[in-house]
PDB file of N, CA and C in Angstrom:
ATOM      1  N   UNK A   1      -1.109  44.846 108.338  1.00  0.00           N
ATOM      2  CA  UNK A   1      -1.326  43.989 109.522  1.00  0.00           C
ATOM      3  C   UNK A   1      -0.646  44.386 110.621  1.00  0.00           C
ATOM      4  N   UNK A   2       0.909  43.901 110.105  1.00  0.00           N
ATOM      5  CA  UNK A   2       2.084  44.133 110.750  1.00  0.00           C
ATOM      6  C   UNK A   2       1.874  45.576 111.063  1.00  0.00           C
ATOM      7  N   UNK A   3       1.134  46.787 110.816  1.00  0.00           N
ATOM      8  CA  UNK A   3       1.289  48.012 111.298  1.00  0.00           C
ATOM      9  C   UNK A   3       0.531  48.509 112.231  1.00  0.00           C
ATOM     10  N   UNK A   4       0.178  47.037 112.536  1.00  0.00           N
ATOM     11  CA  UNK A   4      -0.809  47.069 114.577  1.00  0.00           C
ATOM     12  C   UNK A   4      -1.994  48.005 113.498  1.00  0.00           C
ATOM     13  N   UNK A   5      -2.512  47.563 112.339  1.00  0.00           N
ATOM     14  CA  UNK A   5      -3.570  49.228 111.600  1.00  0.00           C
ATOM     15  C   UNK A   5      -5.089  47.948 111.920  1.00  0.00           C
ATOM     16  N   UNK A   6      -5.120  48.650 112.958  1.00  0.00           N
ATOM     17  CA  UNK A   6      -7.187  47.630 113.045  1.00  0.00           C
ATOM     18  C   UNK A   6      -8.166  47.718 112.463  1.00  0.00           C
ATOM     19  N   UNK A   7      -8.463  49.229 111.854  1.00  0.00           N
ATOM     20  CA  UNK A   7      -9.536  49.443 110.504  1.00  0.00           C
ATOM     21  C   UNK A   7      -8.810  48.242 109.188  1.00  0.00           C
ATOM     22  N   UNK A   8      -7.856  49.021 108.909  1.00  0.00           N
ATOM     23  CA  UNK A   8      -7.519  47.947 107.717  1.00  0.00           C
ATOM     24  C   UNK A   8      -7.055  46.781 107.760  1.00  0.00           C
ATOM     25  N   UNK A   9      -6.853  46.246 108.880  1.00  0.00           N
ATOM     26  CA  UNK A   9      -6.265  44.754 109.144  1.00  0.00           C
ATOM     27  C   UNK A   9      -7.903  44.283 109.244  1.00  0.00           C
ATOM     28  N   UNK A  10      -8.927  44.559 108.902  1.00  0.00           N
ATOM     29  CA  UNK A  10     -10.501  44.292 109.484  1.00  0.00           C
ATOM     30  C   UNK A  10     -10.088  44.848 108.088  1.00  0.00           C
ATOM     31  N   UNK A  11     -10.399  45.231 107.089  1.00  0.00           N
ATOM     32  CA  UNK A  11     -10.954  45.228 105.624  1.00  0.00           C
ATOM     33  C   UNK A  11     -10.328  44.610 104.866  1.00  0.00           C
ATOM     34  N   UNK A  12      -9.090  44.160 104.890  1.00  0.00           N
ATOM     35  CA  UNK A  12      -8.304  42.558 104.166  1.00  0.00           C
ATOM     36  C   UNK A  12      -8.837  41.676 105.228  1.00  0.00           C
ATOM     37  N   UNK A  13      -8.899  41.074 106.717  1.00  0.00           N
ATOM     38  CA  UNK A  13      -9.722  40.174 106.622  1.00  0.00           C
ATOM     39  C   UNK A  13     -10.426  39.456 105.934  1.00  0.00           C
ATOM     40  N   UNK A  14     -11.807  40.823 105.688  1.00  0.00           N
ATOM     41  CA  UNK A  14     -12.715  40.810 105.369  1.00  0.00           C
ATOM     42  C   UNK A  14     -13.093  40.008 103.860  1.00  0.00           C
ATOM     43  N   UNK A  15     -11.435  40.836 102.910  1.00  0.00           N
ATOM     44  CA  UNK A  15     -11.640  40.892 102.096  1.00  0.00           C
ATOM     45  C   UNK A  15     -10.731  39.353 101.701  1.00  0.00           C
ATOM     46  N   UNK A  16     -10.386  38.598 102.196  1.00  0.00           N
ATOM     47  CA  UNK A  16      -9.482  37.456 101.914  1.00  0.00           C
ATOM     48  C   UNK A  16     -10.763  36.033 102.008  1.00  0.00           C
ATOM     49  N   UNK A  17     -11.433  36.750 103.284  1.00  0.00           N
ATOM     50  CA  UNK A  17     -12.380  35.790 103.602  1.00  0.00           C
ATOM     51  C   UNK A  17     -13.883  36.078 102.539  1.00  0.00           C
ATOM     52  N   UNK A  18     -13.561  36.858 101.660  1.00  0.00           N
ATOM     53  CA  UNK A  18     -14.996  37.015 100.723  1.00  0.00           C
ATOM     54  C   UNK A  18     -14.678  36.871  98.947  1.00  0.00           C
ATOM     55  N   UNK A  19     -13.245  35.965  99.471  1.00  0.00           N
ATOM     56  CA  UNK A  19     -12.943  34.408  97.798  1.00  0.00           C
ATOM     57  C   UNK A  19     -13.191  33.846  98.711  1.00  0.00           C
ATOM     58  N   UNK A  20     -13.333  33.609  99.721  1.00  0.00           N
ATOM     59  CA  UNK A  20     -13.765  31.748  99.627  1.00  0.00           C
ATOM     60  C   UNK A  20     -12.625  31.440 100.292  1.00  0.00           C
ATOM     61  N   UNK A  21     -11.685  32.092 100.951  1.00  0.00           N
ATOM     62  CA  UNK A  21     -10.435  31.614 101.277  1.00  0.00           C
ATOM     63  C   UNK A  21     -11.265  30.778 102.443  1.00  0.00           C
ATOM     64  N   UNK A  22     -10.482  29.738 103.240  1.00  0.00           N
ATOM     65  CA  UNK A  22     -11.695  29.600 104.707  1.00  0.00           C
ATOM     66  C   UNK A  22     -11.064  30.281 106.128  1.00  0.00           C
ATOM     67  N   UNK A  23     -12.094  29.439 107.152  1.00  0.00           N
ATOM     68  CA  UNK A  23     -11.738  31.239 108.318  1.00  0.00           C
ATOM     69  C   UNK A  23     -10.617  30.548 108.611  1.00  0.00           C
ATOM     70  N   UNK A  24     -10.188  28.951 108.707  1.00  0.00           N
ATOM     71  CA  UNK A  24      -8.690  28.556 109.764  1.00  0.00           C
ATOM     72  C   UNK A  24      -8.130  28.889 108.692  1.00  0.00           C
ATOM     73  N   UNK A  25      -7.925  28.679 107.212  1.00  0.00           N
ATOM     74  CA  UNK A  25      -6.665  29.520 106.493  1.00  0.00           C
ATOM     75  C   UNK A  25      -6.366  30.823 106.767  1.00  0.00           C
ATOM     76  N   UNK A  26      -7.489  31.598 107.147  1.00  0.00           N
ATOM     77  CA  UNK A  26      -7.016  33.077 107.099  1.00  0.00           C
ATOM     78  C   UNK A  26      -6.049  32.923 108.506  1.00  0.00           C
ATOM     79  N   UNK A  27      -6.941  32.126 108.780  1.00  0.00           N
ATOM     80  CA  UNK A  27      -6.489  32.522 110.879  1.00  0.00           C
ATOM     81  C   UNK A  27      -4.665  31.675 110.674  1.00  0.00           C
ATOM     82  N   UNK A  28      -4.600  30.856 109.902  1.00  0.00           N
ATOM     83  CA  UNK A  28      -3.227  30.441 110.075  1.00  0.00           C
ATOM     84  C   UNK A  28      -1.982  31.596 109.048  1.00  0.00           C
ATOM     85  N   UNK A  29      -2.739  32.176 107.915  1.00  0.00           N
ATOM     86  CA  UNK A  29      -2.483  34.026 107.219  1.00  0.00           C
ATOM     87  C   UNK A  29      -1.615  34.225 108.435  1.00  0.00           C
ATOM     88  N   UNK A  30      -2.966  34.702 109.186  1.00  0.00           N
ATOM     89  CA  UNK A  30      -3.102  36.012 110.930  1.00  0.00           C
ATOM     90  C   UNK A  30      -1.541  35.444 111.107  1.00  0.00           C
ATOM     91  N   UNK A  31      -1.654  34.369 111.893  1.00  0.00           N
ATOM     92  CA  UNK A  31      -0.424  33.396 113.399  1.00  0.00           C
ATOM     93  C   UNK A  31       0.584  33.920 112.258  1.00  0.00           C
ATOM     94  N   UNK A  32       0.749  33.557 110.890  1.00  0.00           N
ATOM     95  CA  UNK A  32       2.603  33.693 110.350  1.00  0.00           C
ATOM     96  C   UNK A  32       3.074  35.294 110.455  1.00  0.00           C
ATOM     97  N   UNK A  33       1.576  35.906 109.680  1.00  0.00           N
ATOM     98  CA  UNK A  33       1.837  37.580 109.888  1.00  0.00           C
ATOM     99  C   UNK A  33       2.478  37.843 111.849  1.00  0.00           C
ATOM    100  N   UNK A  34       1.618  37.473 112.922  1.00  0.00           N
ATOM    101  CA  UNK A  34       2.126  37.863 114.292  1.00  0.00           C
ATOM    102  C   UNK A  34       3.817  37.141 113.669  1.00  0.00           C
ATOM    103  N   UNK A  35       4.125  35.727 113.269  1.00  0.00           N
ATOM    104  CA  UNK A  35       5.650  35.805 114.123  1.00  0.00           C
ATOM    105  C   UNK A  35       6.407  36.627 113.276  1.00  0.00           C
ATOM    106  N   UNK A  36       5.607  36.491 112.490  1.00  0.00           N
ATOM    107  CA  UNK A  36       7.123  37.685 111.779  1.00  0.00           C
ATOM    108  C   UNK A  36       6.788  39.491 111.748  1.00  0.00           C
ATOM    109  N   UNK A  37       5.985  39.551 112.765  1.00  0.00           N
ATOM    110  CA  UNK A  37       5.791  41.199 113.645  1.00  0.00           C
ATOM    111  C   UNK A  37       6.867  40.597 114.814  1.00  0.00           C
ATOM    112  N   UNK A  38       6.467  39.530 115.333  1.00  0.00           N
ATOM    113  CA  UNK A  38       8.004  39.033 116.686  1.00  0.00           C
ATOM    114  C   UNK A  38       9.352  39.558 116.280  1.00  0.00           C
ATOM    115  N   UNK A  39       9.735  38.575 115.022  1.00  0.00           N
ATOM    116  CA  UNK A  39      10.351  38.403 114.789  1.00  0.00           C
ATOM    117  C   UNK A  39      11.268  39.468 114.111  1.00  0.00           C
ATOM    118  N   UNK A  40      10.519  40.708 113.988  1.00  0.00           N
ATOM    119  CA  UNK A  40      10.886  42.162 114.020  1.00  0.00           C
ATOM    120  C   UNK A  40      11.130  43.293 114.773  1.00  0.00           C
ATOM    121  N   UNK A  41      10.459  42.146 116.529  1.00  0.00           N
ATOM    122  CA  UNK A  41      10.226  42.794 117.770  1.00  0.00           C
ATOM    123  C   UNK A  41       9.447  44.023 117.766  1.00  0.00           C
ATOM    124  N   UNK A  42       8.041  43.103 116.827  1.00  0.00           N
ATOM    125  CA  UNK A  42       6.806  44.349 116.863  1.00  0.00           C
ATOM    126  C   UNK A  42       5.932  43.768 117.779  1.00  0.00           C
ATOM    127  N   UNK A  43       4.597  44.649 118.621  1.00  0.00           N
ATOM    128  CA  UNK A  43       3.387  43.434 119.693  1.00  0.00           C
ATOM    129  C   UNK A  43       2.502  44.754 117.957  1.00  0.00           C
ATOM    130  N   UNK A  44       1.351  42.945 117.498  1.00  0.00           N
ATOM    131  CA  UNK A  44       0.250  42.674 117.147  1.00  0.00           C
ATOM    132  C   UNK A  44      -0.731  43.079 117.532  1.00  0.00           C
ATOM    133  N   UNK A  45      -0.992  44.101 118.855  1.00  0.00           N
ATOM    134  CA  UNK A  45      -1.974  44.005 119.993  1.00  0.00           C
ATOM    135  C   UNK A  45      -3.434  45.177 119.815  1.00  0.00           C
ATOM    136  N   UNK A  46      -3.685  45.893 118.516  1.00  0.00           N
ATOM    137  CA  UNK A  46      -4.963  45.880 118.142  1.00  0.00           C
ATOM    138  C   UNK A  46      -5.774  45.460 117.063  1.00  0.00           C
ATOM    139  N   UNK A  47      -5.101  44.785 116.222  1.00  0.00           N
ATOM    140  CA  UNK A  47      -5.570  44.179 115.282  1.00  0.00           C
ATOM    141  C   UNK A  47      -6.846  42.961 115.149  1.00  0.00           C
ATOM    142  N   UNK A  48      -8.082  42.875 114.588  1.00  0.00           N
ATOM    143  CA  UNK A  48      -8.928  41.883 115.312  1.00  0.00           C
ATOM    144  C   UNK A  48      -8.457  40.534 114.506  1.00  0.00           C
ATOM    145  N   UNK A  49      -8.780  39.515 115.370  1.00  0.00           N
ATOM    146  CA  UNK A  49      -8.636  38.441 115.393  1.00  0.00           C
ATOM    147  C   UNK A  49     -10.403  37.764 113.618  1.00  0.00           C
ATOM    148  N   UNK A  50      -9.787  36.493 112.749  1.00  0.00           N
ATOM    149  CA  UNK A  50     -10.888  35.935 112.025  1.00  0.00           C
ATOM    150  C   UNK A  50     -12.309  36.376 112.409  1.00  0.00           C
ATOM    151  N   UNK A  51     -12.375  35.766 113.922  1.00  0.00           N
ATOM    152  CA  UNK A  51     -13.740  35.772 113.983  1.00  0.00           C
ATOM    153  C   UNK A  51     -14.691  36.795 114.944  1.00  0.00           C
ATOM    154  N   UNK A  52     -13.323  37.958 115.127  1.00  0.00           N
ATOM    155  CA  UNK A  52     -14.152  38.582 115.379  1.00  0.00           C
ATOM    156  C   UNK A  52     -14.815  39.489 114.204  1.00  0.00           C
ATOM    157  N   UNK A  53     -14.599  39.572 112.639  1.00  0.00           N
ATOM    158  CA  UNK A  53     -14.869  40.397 111.654  1.00  0.00           C
ATOM    159  C   UNK A  53     -16.076  39.053 110.467  1.00  0.00           C
ATOM    160  N   UNK A  54     -15.963  37.923 111.466  1.00  0.00           N
ATOM    161  CA  UNK A  54     -16.494  36.923 110.784  1.00  0.00           C
ATOM    162  C   UNK A  54     -17.857  36.886 110.147  1.00  0.00           C
ATOM    163  N   UNK A  55     -18.926  37.854 111.167  1.00  0.00           N
ATOM    164  CA  UNK A  55     -20.354  38.067 111.408  1.00  0.00           C
ATOM    165  C   UNK A  55     -20.700  39.242 110.262  1.00  0.00           C
ATOM    166  N   UNK A  56     -19.784  40.033 109.346  1.00  0.00           N
ATOM    167  CA  UNK A  56     -19.124  41.366 108.325  1.00  0.00           C
ATOM    168  C   UNK A  56     -19.565  40.525 107.432  1.00  0.00           C
ATOM    169  N   UNK A  57     -18.826  39.278 107.464  1.00  0.00           N
ATOM    170  CA  UNK A  57     -18.909  38.242 106.193  1.00  0.00           C
ATOM    171  C   UNK A  57     -19.313  38.024 105.052  1.00  0.00           C
ATOM    172  N   UNK A  58     -20.838  38.313 104.344  1.00  0.00           N
ATOM    173  CA  UNK A  58     -21.392  37.312 103.279  1.00  0.00           C
ATOM    174  C   UNK A  58     -20.658  37.291 101.998  1.00  0.00           C
ATOM    175  N   UNK A  59     -20.403  35.703 102.165  1.00  0.00           N
ATOM    176  CA  UNK A  59     -20.134  34.912 101.781  1.00  0.00           C
ATOM    177  C   UNK A  59     -21.201  35.074  99.549  1.00  0.00           C
ATOM    178  N   UNK A  60     -22.494  35.107 100.071  1.00  0.00           N
ATOM    179  CA  UNK A  60     -23.265  34.996  98.858  1.00  0.00           C
ATOM    180  C   UNK A  60     -22.669  36.467  98.036  1.00  0.00           C
ATOM    181  N   UNK A  61     -21.998  37.409  99.133  1.00  0.00           N
ATOM    182  CA  UNK A  61     -22.523  38.359  97.274  1.00  0.00           C
ATOM    183  C   UNK A  61     -20.381  37.833  96.758  1.00  0.00           C
TER     184      UNK A  61
END
């Protein structure tokens, strides 16, 4: 995510949601990563949010 890679970030977001980590908890993790990016002088402008990939998560599998 810190590399501003949208496809790979989507994979990781879906993966952590499929491990039954709550939507809210994943959002907090993403916000922490964004804070690290700001500290490093980077902008994450291309990465999806959890809400953007939620429809792709099948929690029953």
